[in-house]
Amino acid sequence: MEKLEDHIINGLQAVRTYYLAEGYHHFVVSRLGALGIDVRPVEVEGALIIAYVYHDIAKAAEPYQSGIMEGHGAPGHELVSAYVAHVALEEDALRLPELLGWACVKAIALHMGAMRELPERTIRTSIRKVLERAHCNAFTMSKSTVFWFNGLLKRCWHVRGLPPPTLPDREITISFKALLSFVARELSPRLRGSDRYRAEDLAALLLLHPIVLADELAVAINIGRKPKRWAKDFTDSVEEARKYRRRQFR
């Protein structure tokens, strides 16, 4: 079974290898600049790392952790992970521009199928069932789990000039009611295609591609299988482009 720590470490390596090493964060700055949004490359780099590191963080919480060990998976974890990332971004000293912070949260929420159904429905069906099976009404990350995650994040961060967006140093409890309120009042209005959030939506989609690719590559490495064809085609194209550039500049 794949460990979450290995998933984070190997996925981050993919983000750095196939996106940051290719200047993808500068491309994102350019695309957002065309909409009149001024962000710095280092802030986009931080957003890419945050979005990946936090995309599966809910799997470290109970009752998801027990459910995974029992073979039930973690349905709806993308919304719980988005909530946890929102907590970290709200409370931490990093303070990304609001647009990038919400782009991280939205990309995490979208990474499992890009919202085939409204998030409120996922909360009321999949997430409710997870909690009912465990006979509880909240997800919990123990203080020791938070300590582990914060330590891993600090070791993996390496974004010059920006502090790592760690979680508050305490047990974190996420009630069903708090999740429902977060989705209904804050997340869902930003996922409905309003012109007000056009630049934020673009930023979220530009973060989503690296998350999905790195997610797939990390799983393939950690369980010892080949990457799915779409992922291998992308990484092969990057490697071919690098070979071409090296030939051009000899």
C-alpha atoms as a PDB file:
ATOM      1  CA  MET A   1       0.000   0.000   0.000  1.00  0.00           C
ATOM      2  CA  GLU A   2       1.280   3.460  -0.900  1.00  0.00           C
ATOM      3  CA  LYS A   3       2.301   5.671   2.034  1.00  0.00           C
ATOM      4  CA  LEU A   4       1.065   9.269   2.019  1.00  0.00           C
ATOM      5  CA  GLU A   5       4.580  10.514   2.801  1.00  0.00           C
ATOM      6  CA  ASP A   6       5.990   8.743  -0.277  1.00  0.00           C
ATOM      7  CA  HIS A   7       3.116  10.085  -2.357  1.00  0.00           C
ATOM      8  CA  ILE A   8       3.928  13.642  -1.297  1.00  0.00           C
ATOM      9  CA  ILE A   9       7.713  13.318  -1.776  1.00  0.00           C
ATOM     10  CA  ASN A  10       7.600  11.664  -5.204  1.00  0.00           C
ATOM     11  CA  GLY A  11       4.796  13.878  -6.457  1.00  0.00           C
ATOM     12  CA  LEU A  12       6.682  17.016  -5.451  1.00  0.00           C
ATOM     13  CA  GLN A  13       9.684  15.745  -7.357  1.00  0.00           C
ATOM     14  CA  ALA A  14       7.487  15.434 -10.445  1.00  0.00           C
ATOM     15  CA  VAL A  15       6.163  18.987  -9.991  1.00  0.00           C
ATOM     16  CA  ARG A  16       9.706  20.291  -9.796  1.00  0.00           C
ATOM     17  CA  THR A  17      11.019  18.144 -12.658  1.00  0.00           C
ATOM     18  CA  TYR A  18       8.273  18.630 -15.233  1.00  0.00           C
ATOM     19  CA  TYR A  19       6.910  22.067 -14.331  1.00  0.00           C
ATOM     20  CA  LEU A  20       9.178  24.293 -12.257  1.00  0.00           C
ATOM     21  CA  ALA A  21      12.344  23.203 -14.089  1.00  0.00           C
ATOM     22  CA  GLU A  22      10.589  24.166 -17.323  1.00  0.00           C
ATOM     23  CA  GLY A  23       9.612  27.621 -16.066  1.00  0.00           C
ATOM     24  CA  TYR A  24       5.917  26.811 -15.764  1.00  0.00           C
ATOM     25  CA  HIS A  25       5.504  29.298 -12.907  1.00  0.00           C
ATOM     26  CA  HIS A  26       6.679  32.091 -15.236  1.00  0.00           C
ATOM     27  CA  PHE A  27       4.118  30.952 -17.812  1.00  0.00           C
ATOM     28  CA  VAL A  28       1.366  31.173 -15.167  1.00  0.00           C
ATOM     29  CA  VAL A  29       2.509  34.703 -14.266  1.00  0.00           C
ATOM     30  CA  SER A  30       2.247  35.648 -17.942  1.00  0.00           C
ATOM     31  CA  ARG A  31      -1.237  34.156 -18.362  1.00  0.00           C
ATOM     32  CA  LEU A  32      -2.564  35.892 -15.272  1.00  0.00           C
ATOM     33  CA  GLY A  33      -0.854  39.119 -16.297  1.00  0.00           C
ATOM     34  CA  ALA A  34      -2.916  39.088 -19.497  1.00  0.00           C
ATOM     35  CA  LEU A  35      -5.979  39.404 -17.248  1.00  0.00           C
ATOM     36  CA  GLY A  36      -4.436  42.263 -15.299  1.00  0.00           C
ATOM     37  CA  ILE A  37      -3.421  40.117 -12.318  1.00  0.00           C
ATOM     38  CA  ASP A  38       0.051  40.824 -10.944  1.00  0.00           C
ATOM     39  CA  VAL A  39       1.686  37.913  -9.110  1.00  0.00           C
ATOM     40  CA  ARG A  40       5.328  36.943  -8.695  1.00  0.00           C
ATOM     41  CA  PRO A  41       6.884  33.703 -10.029  1.00  0.00           C
ATOM     42  CA  VAL A  42       7.928  32.694  -6.508  1.00  0.00           C
ATOM     43  CA  GLU A  43       4.308  33.042  -5.352  1.00  0.00           C
ATOM     44  CA  VAL A  44       3.136  30.765  -8.158  1.00  0.00           C
ATOM     45  CA  GLU A  45       5.901  28.317  -7.261  1.00  0.00           C
ATOM     46  CA  GLY A  46       4.638  28.338  -3.682  1.00  0.00           C
ATOM     47  CA  ALA A  47       1.065  27.836  -4.857  1.00  0.00           C
ATOM     48  CA  LEU A  48       2.075  24.819  -6.968  1.00  0.00           C
ATOM     49  CA  ILE A  49       3.831  23.206  -4.017  1.00  0.00           C
ATOM     50  CA  ILE A  50       0.984  23.978  -1.613  1.00  0.00           C
ATOM     51  CA  ALA A  51      -1.656  22.608  -3.971  1.00  0.00           C
ATOM     52  CA  TYR A  52       0.194  19.333  -4.368  1.00  0.00           C
ATOM     53  CA  VAL A  53       1.279  18.855  -0.752  1.00  0.00           C
ATOM     54  CA  TYR A  54      -2.261  19.448   0.537  1.00  0.00           C
ATOM     55  CA  HIS A  55      -4.277  17.696  -2.173  1.00  0.00           C
ATOM     56  CA  ASP A  56      -4.503  14.399  -0.238  1.00  0.00           C
ATOM     57  CA  ILE A  57      -3.978  15.674   3.314  1.00  0.00           C
ATOM     58  CA  ALA A  58      -7.462  14.523   4.392  1.00  0.00           C
ATOM     59  CA  LYS A  59      -6.284  10.920   3.980  1.00  0.00           C
ATOM     60  CA  ALA A  60      -4.152  11.468   7.094  1.00  0.00           C
ATOM     61  CA  ALA A  61      -7.279  12.260   9.126  1.00  0.00           C
ATOM     62  CA  GLU A  62      -9.598   9.861  10.894  1.00  0.00           C
ATOM     63  CA  PRO A  63     -11.861   8.195   9.928  1.00  0.00           C
ATOM     64  CA  TYR A  64     -10.347   8.308   6.410  1.00  0.00           C
ATOM     65  CA  GLN A  65      -7.096   6.700   7.563  1.00  0.00           C
ATOM     66  CA  SER A  66      -8.891   3.718   9.086  1.00  0.00           C
ATOM     67  CA  GLY A  67     -11.191   3.463   6.080  1.00  0.00           C
ATOM     68  CA  ILE A  68      -8.235   3.297   3.705  1.00  0.00           C
ATOM     69  CA  MET A  69      -6.613   0.538   5.772  1.00  0.00           C
ATOM     70  CA  GLU A  70      -9.901  -1.398   5.648  1.00  0.00           C
ATOM     71  CA  GLY A  71     -10.151  -1.034   1.867  1.00  0.00           C
ATOM     72  CA  HIS A  72     -12.957   1.541   1.775  1.00  0.00           C
ATOM     73  CA  GLY A  73     -10.903   4.273   0.100  1.00  0.00           C
ATOM     74  CA  ALA A  74     -11.441   7.955   0.866  1.00  0.00           C
ATOM     75  CA  PRO A  75     -14.507   9.216  -1.045  1.00  0.00           C
ATOM     76  CA  GLY A  76     -14.875  12.980  -0.904  1.00  0.00           C
ATOM     77  CA  HIS A  77     -11.377  13.501   0.483  1.00  0.00           C
ATOM     78  CA  GLU A  78     -10.744  16.260  -2.064  1.00  0.00           C
ATOM     79  CA  LEU A  79     -13.249  18.544  -0.329  1.00  0.00           C
ATOM     80  CA  VAL A  80     -11.910  17.814   3.148  1.00  0.00           C
ATOM     81  CA  SER A  81      -8.362  18.414   1.849  1.00  0.00           C
ATOM     82  CA  ALA A  82      -9.491  21.719   0.305  1.00  0.00           C
ATOM     83  CA  TYR A  83     -10.916  22.731   3.681  1.00  0.00           C
ATOM     84  CA  VAL A  84      -7.662  21.873   5.478  1.00  0.00           C
ATOM     85  CA  ALA A  85      -5.632  23.820   2.898  1.00  0.00           C
ATOM     86  CA  HIS A  86      -7.950  26.780   3.428  1.00  0.00           C
ATOM     87  CA  VAL A  87      -7.309  26.599   7.176  1.00  0.00           C
ATOM     88  CA  ALA A  88      -3.548  26.578   6.600  1.00  0.00           C
ATOM     89  CA  LEU A  89      -3.651  29.492   4.180  1.00  0.00           C
ATOM     90  CA  GLU A  90      -5.900  31.533   6.462  1.00  0.00           C
ATOM     91  CA  GLU A  91      -3.802  31.030   9.587  1.00  0.00           C
ATOM     92  CA  ASP A  92      -0.247  30.848   8.268  1.00  0.00           C
ATOM     93  CA  ALA A  93       2.262  33.654   7.806  1.00  0.00           C
ATOM     94  CA  LEU A  94       2.773  32.795   4.125  1.00  0.00           C
ATOM     95  CA  ARG A  95      -0.103  35.005   2.968  1.00  0.00           C
ATOM     96  CA  LEU A  96      -0.261  34.275  -0.737  1.00  0.00           C
ATOM     97  CA  PRO A  97      -2.273  36.746  -2.808  1.00  0.00           C
ATOM     98  CA  GLU A  98      -5.945  35.903  -2.260  1.00  0.00           C
ATOM     99  CA  LEU A  99      -6.399  34.817  -5.865  1.00  0.00           C
ATOM    100  CA  LEU A 100      -3.580  32.247  -5.634  1.00  0.00           C
ATOM    101  CA  GLY A 101      -4.703  31.022  -2.242  1.00  0.00           C
ATOM    102  CA  TRP A 102      -8.201  30.320  -3.516  1.00  0.00           C
ATOM    103  CA  ALA A 103      -6.767  28.843  -6.721  1.00  0.00           C
ATOM    104  CA  CYS A 104      -4.940  26.295  -4.527  1.00  0.00           C
ATOM    105  CA  VAL A 105      -8.127  25.445  -2.643  1.00  0.00           C
ATOM    106  CA  LYS A 106     -10.173  25.123  -5.836  1.00  0.00           C
ATOM    107  CA  ALA A 107      -7.550  23.020  -7.630  1.00  0.00           C
ATOM    108  CA  ILE A 108      -7.480  20.619  -4.677  1.00  0.00           C
ATOM    109  CA  ALA A 109     -11.286  20.407  -4.679  1.00  0.00           C
ATOM    110  CA  LEU A 110     -11.264  19.668  -8.417  1.00  0.00           C
ATOM    111  CA  HIS A 111      -8.472  17.086  -8.567  1.00  0.00           C
ATOM    112  CA  MET A 112     -10.706  13.991  -8.278  1.00  0.00           C
ATOM    113  CA  GLY A 113     -12.739  14.258 -11.479  1.00  0.00           C
ATOM    114  CA  ALA A 114     -13.142  18.041 -11.724  1.00  0.00           C
ATOM    115  CA  MET A 115     -16.451  18.080  -9.819  1.00  0.00           C
ATOM    116  CA  ARG A 116     -18.672  15.760 -11.814  1.00  0.00           C
ATOM    117  CA  GLU A 117     -21.351  16.650  -9.271  1.00  0.00           C
ATOM    118  CA  LEU A 118     -21.987  19.667  -7.081  1.00  0.00           C
ATOM    119  CA  PRO A 119     -19.765  19.680  -3.991  1.00  0.00           C
ATOM    120  CA  GLU A 120     -22.819  19.974  -1.719  1.00  0.00           C
ATOM    121  CA  ARG A 121     -24.002  16.594  -3.029  1.00  0.00           C
ATOM    122  CA  THR A 122     -20.596  15.024  -2.337  1.00  0.00           C
ATOM    123  CA  ILE A 123     -20.764  16.346   1.217  1.00  0.00           C
ATOM    124  CA  ARG A 124     -24.294  15.016   1.794  1.00  0.00           C
ATOM    125  CA  THR A 125     -23.667  11.578   0.232  1.00  0.00           C
ATOM    126  CA  SER A 126     -20.066  10.326   0.115  1.00  0.00           C
ATOM    127  CA  ILE A 127     -18.701  12.258   3.101  1.00  0.00           C
ATOM    128  CA  ARG A 128     -21.773  11.677   5.250  1.00  0.00           C
ATOM    129  CA  LYS A 129     -21.465   7.916   4.597  1.00  0.00           C
ATOM    130  CA  VAL A 130     -17.796   7.922   5.634  1.00  0.00           C
ATOM    131  CA  LEU A 131     -18.662   9.563   8.941  1.00  0.00           C
ATOM    132  CA  GLU A 132     -21.738   7.402   9.543  1.00  0.00           C
ATOM    133  CA  ARG A 133     -19.727   4.214   8.956  1.00  0.00           C
ATOM    134  CA  ALA A 134     -17.275   5.365  11.613  1.00  0.00           C
ATOM    135  CA  HIS A 135     -20.063   6.484  13.976  1.00  0.00           C
ATOM    136  CA  CYS A 136     -18.711  10.032  14.252  1.00  0.00           C
ATOM    137  CA  ASN A 137     -19.592  13.506  12.984  1.00  0.00           C
ATOM    138  CA  ALA A 138     -16.141  14.989  12.360  1.00  0.00           C
ATOM    139  CA  PHE A 139     -12.761  14.340  10.789  1.00  0.00           C
ATOM    140  CA  THR A 140      -9.791  14.585  13.130  1.00  0.00           C
ATOM    141  CA  MET A 141      -6.076  15.104  12.594  1.00  0.00           C
ATOM    142  CA  SER A 142      -4.314  14.321  15.857  1.00  0.00           C
ATOM    143  CA  LYS A 143      -1.585  16.594  17.140  1.00  0.00           C
ATOM    144  CA  SER A 144       1.007  13.919  16.331  1.00  0.00           C
ATOM    145  CA  THR A 145      -0.299  13.699  12.744  1.00  0.00           C
ATOM    146  CA  VAL A 146      -0.122  17.485  12.401  1.00  0.00           C
ATOM    147  CA  PHE A 147       3.432  17.403  13.810  1.00  0.00           C
ATOM    148  CA  TRP A 148       4.417  14.745  11.249  1.00  0.00           C
ATOM    149  CA  PHE A 149       2.883  16.664   8.362  1.00  0.00           C
ATOM    150  CA  ASN A 150       4.407  20.004   9.349  1.00  0.00           C
ATOM    151  CA  GLY A 151       7.835  18.394   9.650  1.00  0.00           C
ATOM    152  CA  LEU A 152       7.507  16.803   6.211  1.00  0.00           C
ATOM    153  CA  LEU A 153       6.350  20.088   4.696  1.00  0.00           C
ATOM    154  CA  LYS A 154       9.291  21.988   6.162  1.00  0.00           C
ATOM    155  CA  ARG A 155      11.734  19.403   4.764  1.00  0.00           C
ATOM    156  CA  CYS A 156      10.151  19.524   1.297  1.00  0.00           C
ATOM    157  CA  TRP A 157       9.391  23.225   0.955  1.00  0.00           C
ATOM    158  CA  HIS A 158      12.510  24.914  -0.539  1.00  0.00           C
ATOM    159  CA  VAL A 159      10.674  27.983  -1.868  1.00  0.00           C
ATOM    160  CA  ARG A 160      13.092  30.858  -1.445  1.00  0.00           C
ATOM    161  CA  GLY A 161      11.741  33.825   0.497  1.00  0.00           C
ATOM    162  CA  LEU A 162       8.429  32.229   1.462  1.00  0.00           C
ATOM    163  CA  PRO A 163       7.758  30.382   4.739  1.00  0.00           C
ATOM    164  CA  PRO A 164       6.167  26.911   4.557  1.00  0.00           C
ATOM    165  CA  PRO A 165       2.374  26.996   5.047  1.00  0.00           C
ATOM    166  CA  THR A 166       2.213  24.699   8.064  1.00  0.00           C
ATOM    167  CA  LEU A 167      -0.916  23.705   9.927  1.00  0.00           C
ATOM    168  CA  PRO A 168      -1.728  25.136  13.360  1.00  0.00           C
ATOM    169  CA  ASP A 169       0.206  23.172  15.991  1.00  0.00           C
ATOM    170  CA  ARG A 170      -2.804  21.457  17.549  1.00  0.00           C
ATOM    171  CA  GLU A 171      -5.326  18.727  16.951  1.00  0.00           C
ATOM    172  CA  ILE A 172      -7.562  19.721  14.045  1.00  0.00           C
ATOM    173  CA  THR A 173     -11.244  18.790  14.074  1.00  0.00           C
ATOM    174  CA  ILE A 174     -13.407  19.280  10.997  1.00  0.00           C
ATOM    175  CA  SER A 175     -17.079  18.808  11.736  1.00  0.00           C
ATOM    176  CA  PHE A 176     -19.639  17.808   9.130  1.00  0.00           C
ATOM    177  CA  LYS A 177     -21.441  21.075   9.821  1.00  0.00           C
ATOM    178  CA  ALA A 178     -18.267  23.140   9.267  1.00  0.00           C
ATOM    179  CA  LEU A 179     -17.577  21.335   5.988  1.00  0.00           C
ATOM    180  CA  LEU A 180     -21.093  21.922   4.736  1.00  0.00           C
ATOM    181  CA  SER A 181     -20.907  25.604   5.661  1.00  0.00           C
ATOM    182  CA  PHE A 182     -17.499  26.024   3.985  1.00  0.00           C
ATOM    183  CA  VAL A 183     -18.689  24.407   0.760  1.00  0.00           C
ATOM    184  CA  ALA A 184     -22.043  26.198   0.606  1.00  0.00           C
ATOM    185  CA  ARG A 185     -20.928  29.683   1.628  1.00  0.00           C
ATOM    186  CA  GLU A 186     -17.337  29.963   0.396  1.00  0.00           C
ATOM    187  CA  LEU A 187     -16.286  27.279  -2.096  1.00  0.00           C
ATOM    188  CA  SER A 188     -19.377  26.669  -4.232  1.00  0.00           C
ATOM    189  CA  PRO A 189     -19.996  30.332  -5.145  1.00  0.00           C
ATOM    190  CA  ARG A 190     -16.430  30.412  -6.515  1.00  0.00           C
ATOM    191  CA  LEU A 191     -16.972  27.285  -8.644  1.00  0.00           C
ATOM    192  CA  ARG A 192     -20.006  28.479 -10.577  1.00  0.00           C
ATOM    193  CA  GLY A 193     -18.284  30.314 -13.407  1.00  0.00           C
ATOM    194  CA  SER A 194     -18.917  33.865 -12.250  1.00  0.00           C
ATOM    195  CA  ASP A 195     -17.056  36.557 -14.205  1.00  0.00           C
ATOM    196  CA  ARG A 196     -15.944  37.890 -10.835  1.00  0.00           C
ATOM    197  CA  TYR A 197     -13.698  34.831 -10.411  1.00  0.00           C
ATOM    198  CA  ARG A 198     -12.503  34.456 -14.007  1.00  0.00           C
ATOM    199  CA  ALA A 199      -8.800  34.981 -13.179  1.00  0.00           C
ATOM    200  CA  GLU A 200      -9.099  32.798 -10.084  1.00  0.00           C
ATOM    201  CA  ASP A 201     -10.654  30.012 -12.184  1.00  0.00           C
ATOM    202  CA  LEU A 202      -7.811  30.251 -14.694  1.00  0.00           C
ATOM    203  CA  ALA A 203      -5.219  30.075 -11.921  1.00  0.00           C
ATOM    204  CA  ALA A 204      -6.963  27.036 -10.435  1.00  0.00           C
ATOM    205  CA  LEU A 205      -6.917  25.213 -13.776  1.00  0.00           C
ATOM    206  CA  LEU A 206      -3.246  26.077 -14.291  1.00  0.00           C
ATOM    207  CA  LEU A 207      -2.478  24.515 -10.888  1.00  0.00           C
ATOM    208  CA  LEU A 208      -4.725  21.526 -11.525  1.00  0.00           C
ATOM    209  CA  HIS A 209      -2.689  20.054 -14.397  1.00  0.00           C
ATOM    210  CA  PRO A 210       0.503  19.668 -12.311  1.00  0.00           C
ATOM    211  CA  ILE A 211      -1.461  18.156  -9.400  1.00  0.00           C
ATOM    212  CA  VAL A 212      -3.129  15.527 -11.566  1.00  0.00           C
ATOM    213  CA  LEU A 213       0.064  14.575 -13.403  1.00  0.00           C
ATOM    214  CA  ALA A 214       2.200  14.440 -10.251  1.00  0.00           C
ATOM    215  CA  ASP A 215      -0.527  12.444  -8.504  1.00  0.00           C
ATOM    216  CA  GLU A 216      -0.419   9.790 -11.224  1.00  0.00           C
ATOM    217  CA  LEU A 217       3.388   9.640 -11.419  1.00  0.00           C
ATOM    218  CA  ALA A 218       3.733   9.329  -7.641  1.00  0.00           C
ATOM    219  CA  VAL A 219       1.254   6.441  -7.495  1.00  0.00           C
ATOM    220  CA  ALA A 220       3.036   4.657 -10.372  1.00  0.00           C
ATOM    221  CA  ILE A 221       6.426   4.980  -8.678  1.00  0.00           C
ATOM    222  CA  ASN A 222       5.207   3.959  -5.247  1.00  0.00           C
ATOM    223  CA  ILE A 223       3.232   0.869  -6.225  1.00  0.00           C
ATOM    224  CA  GLY A 224       5.662  -0.212  -8.957  1.00  0.00           C
ATOM    225  CA  ARG A 225       3.599   0.097 -12.117  1.00  0.00           C
ATOM    226  CA  LYS A 226       4.015   2.066 -15.330  1.00  0.00           C
ATOM    227  CA  PRO A 227       2.407   5.525 -15.497  1.00  0.00           C
ATOM    228  CA  LYS A 228      -0.854   5.665 -17.403  1.00  0.00           C
ATOM    229  CA  ARG A 229      -0.434   6.428 -21.064  1.00  0.00           C
ATOM    230  CA  TRP A 230      -1.598  10.066 -20.921  1.00  0.00           C
ATOM    231  CA  ALA A 231       0.949  10.810 -18.186  1.00  0.00           C
ATOM    232  CA  LYS A 232       3.787   9.008 -19.952  1.00  0.00           C
ATOM    233  CA  ASP A 233       3.010  10.836 -23.200  1.00  0.00           C
ATOM    234  CA  PHE A 234       3.342  14.152 -21.365  1.00  0.00           C
ATOM    235  CA  THR A 235       6.616  13.325 -19.610  1.00  0.00           C
ATOM    236  CA  ASP A 236       8.054  11.846 -22.823  1.00  0.00           C
ATOM    237  CA  SER A 237       7.206  15.057 -24.669  1.00  0.00           C
ATOM    238  CA  VAL A 238       9.050  17.111 -22.041  1.00  0.00           C
ATOM    239  CA  GLU A 239      12.118  14.878 -22.321  1.00  0.00           C
ATOM    240  CA  GLU A 240      12.055  15.083 -26.133  1.00  0.00           C
ATOM    241  CA  ALA A 241      11.801  18.872 -25.994  1.00  0.00           C
ATOM    242  CA  ARG A 242      14.837  18.959 -23.696  1.00  0.00           C
ATOM    243  CA  LYS A 243      16.840  16.802 -26.100  1.00  0.00           C
ATOM    244  CA  TYR A 244      15.890  19.130 -28.939  1.00  0.00           C
ATOM    245  CA  ARG A 245      16.973  22.214 -26.992  1.00  0.00           C
ATOM    246  CA  ARG A 246      20.311  20.622 -26.121  1.00  0.00           C
ATOM    247  CA  ARG A 247      20.948  19.851 -29.807  1.00  0.00           C
ATOM    248  CA  GLN A 248      20.022  23.397 -30.783  1.00  0.00           C
ATOM    249  CA  PHE A 249      22.479  25.008 -28.381  1.00  0.00           C
ATOM    250  CA  ARG A 250      25.536  22.810 -28.901  1.00  0.00           C
END
